[in-house]
């Protein structure tokens, strides 16, 4: 069986700008794309932590070392500058390979799009770590 599984995650990235009239849907600093393994024109899923919007679009390259993450075109209506987002990409693998799969999880320094750490595992969520909203 083939399943969809998390390939890459940009955790708590900051939207640096929105461009309603720019071609492309989400521009991401080329270094961040490379670190995460997200390809230009690859489908990505964006989860906006400020307004709850969840949507799919595709990635395009932004200038290297710029820290840029912008929402462009129709995606510009899904967020605003300084919103915190999680950006994910997924791949398809054989279910028998799940135990060997290691996603690229990118974490940023607080209040910036500067990469802090890269991990390949999300800690197990414990009952006492759950915060109700």
Protein backbone atom coordinates (compact mmCIF):
# COMPACT_ATOMS: atom_id res chain seq x y z
CA UNK A 1 0.00 0.00 0.00
CA UNK A 2 1.15 3.55 -0.77
CA UNK A 3 0.46 6.25 1.84
CA UNK A 4 0.90 10.02 2.03
CA UNK A 5 3.38 11.03 4.72
CA UNK A 6 4.94 14.24 5.98
CA UNK A 7 8.05 15.08 3.95
CA UNK A 8 8.92 18.56 5.26
CA UNK A 9 7.66 21.05 7.80
CA UNK A 10 8.53 24.70 8.34
CA UNK A 11 7.38 25.25 11.92
CA UNK A 12 6.21 28.72 12.95
CA UNK A 13 7.58 30.63 9.98
CA UNK A 14 6.61 34.29 9.63
CA UNK A 15 4.83 35.75 6.61
CA UNK A 16 7.06 38.63 5.56
CA UNK A 17 4.65 40.15 3.02
CA UNK A 18 1.67 39.57 0.78
CA UNK A 19 1.45 40.36 -2.94
CA UNK A 20 -1.99 40.10 -4.51
CA UNK A 21 -0.72 40.80 -8.04
CA UNK A 22 2.46 38.68 -8.00
CA UNK A 23 2.60 35.44 -9.98
CA UNK A 24 3.04 32.37 -7.83
CA UNK A 25 1.47 31.40 -4.57
CA UNK A 26 4.09 31.20 -1.82
CA UNK A 27 7.62 32.52 -2.24
CA UNK A 28 10.12 30.98 0.18
CA UNK A 29 13.78 31.91 0.69
CA UNK A 30 15.83 29.56 -1.49
CA UNK A 31 18.00 28.48 1.47
CA UNK A 32 14.89 27.49 3.45
CA UNK A 33 13.60 25.52 0.45
CA UNK A 34 16.93 23.71 0.16
CA UNK A 35 17.15 22.94 3.88
CA UNK A 36 13.59 21.57 3.92
CA UNK A 37 13.76 19.60 0.67
CA UNK A 38 10.76 21.48 -0.71
CA UNK A 39 11.10 21.90 -4.46
CA UNK A 40 10.13 24.92 -6.48
CA UNK A 41 6.57 24.41 -7.83
CA UNK A 42 5.91 21.61 -5.30
CA UNK A 43 2.50 21.50 -3.64
CA UNK A 44 2.58 22.79 -0.09
CA UNK A 45 -0.01 23.06 2.63
CA UNK A 46 -0.09 26.20 4.76
CA UNK A 47 -1.66 26.38 8.20
CA UNK A 48 -2.06 29.94 9.49
CA UNK A 49 -1.75 30.03 13.28
CA UNK A 50 -3.18 33.56 13.51
CA UNK A 51 -6.51 33.01 11.75
CA UNK A 52 -6.93 29.23 11.40
CA UNK A 53 -6.85 29.25 7.58
CA UNK A 54 -5.58 26.02 6.05
CA UNK A 55 -4.93 25.88 2.31
CA UNK A 56 -2.87 24.27 -0.44
CA UNK A 57 -0.74 26.11 -2.96
CA UNK A 58 2.74 25.73 -4.47
CA UNK A 59 6.20 27.02 -3.59
CA UNK A 60 8.34 29.38 -5.64
CA UNK A 61 11.85 30.57 -4.90
CA UNK A 62 12.49 33.83 -3.11
CA UNK A 63 15.88 35.48 -2.94
CA UNK A 64 18.54 33.42 -1.12
CA UNK A 65 19.35 34.58 2.44
CA UNK A 66 16.40 37.02 2.40
CA UNK A 67 14.20 35.26 4.98
CA UNK A 68 11.29 35.97 2.64
CA UNK A 69 8.08 33.99 2.92
CA UNK A 70 5.26 35.70 1.04
CA UNK A 71 1.70 34.83 0.13
CA UNK A 72 1.00 35.74 -3.49
CA UNK A 73 -2.05 35.88 -5.73
CA UNK A 74 -5.17 34.30 -4.25
CA UNK A 75 -3.13 33.00 -1.29
CA UNK A 76 -2.63 36.64 -0.23
CA UNK A 77 -6.21 36.60 1.07
CA UNK A 78 -5.36 33.78 3.52
CA UNK A 79 -3.03 35.75 5.76
CA UNK A 80 -1.23 38.98 6.45
CA UNK A 81 2.27 40.20 7.15
CA UNK A 82 3.71 38.86 10.44
CA UNK A 83 1.28 35.92 10.66
CA UNK A 84 2.81 32.72 12.02
CA UNK A 85 2.38 29.73 9.71
CA UNK A 86 3.28 26.08 9.44
CA UNK A 87 4.16 25.01 5.91
CA UNK A 88 4.18 21.29 5.07
CA UNK A 89 4.89 19.11 2.09
CA UNK A 90 4.01 15.44 1.75
CA UNK A 91 5.28 12.51 -0.28
CA UNK A 92 4.00 9.07 -1.13
CA UNK A 93 5.88 6.04 0.12
CA UNK A 94 5.26 2.36 0.58
CA UNK A 95 3.68 1.67 3.95
CA UNK A 96 6.45 -0.85 4.67
CA UNK A 97 8.99 2.02 4.61
CA UNK A 98 7.25 4.20 7.21
CA UNK A 99 9.54 3.11 10.06
CA UNK A 100 12.60 4.24 8.06
CA UNK A 101 11.12 7.58 6.93
CA UNK A 102 12.67 10.75 8.36
CA UNK A 103 10.92 14.02 7.56
CA UNK A 104 12.83 17.33 7.54
CA UNK A 105 11.43 19.47 10.32
CA UNK A 106 12.69 23.06 10.22
CA UNK A 107 12.42 25.21 13.35
CA UNK A 108 13.13 28.94 13.32
CA UNK A 109 14.66 31.33 15.81
CA UNK A 110 11.97 33.27 17.67
CA UNK A 111 10.42 36.12 15.66
CA UNK A 112 12.46 35.39 12.53
CA UNK A 113 12.79 33.16 9.49
CA UNK A 114 16.34 32.24 10.46
CA UNK A 115 16.74 28.48 10.80
CA UNK A 116 17.44 27.45 14.38
CA UNK A 117 17.33 23.63 14.25
CA UNK A 118 16.55 20.83 11.84
CA UNK A 119 15.07 17.67 13.26
CA UNK A 120 13.59 14.45 11.89
CA UNK A 121 11.20 13.49 14.69
CA UNK A 122 8.36 15.18 16.52
CA UNK A 123 8.34 14.34 20.26
CA UNK A 124 5.53 12.15 21.52
CA UNK A 125 2.72 14.33 22.83
CA UNK A 126 2.07 13.63 26.48
CA UNK A 127 -1.26 14.08 28.19
CA UNK A 128 0.00 16.80 30.54
CA UNK A 129 1.42 18.85 27.61
CA UNK A 130 -1.97 19.52 26.04
CA UNK A 131 -3.19 23.10 26.34
CA UNK A 132 -6.89 23.74 25.87
CA UNK A 133 -7.98 26.80 23.95
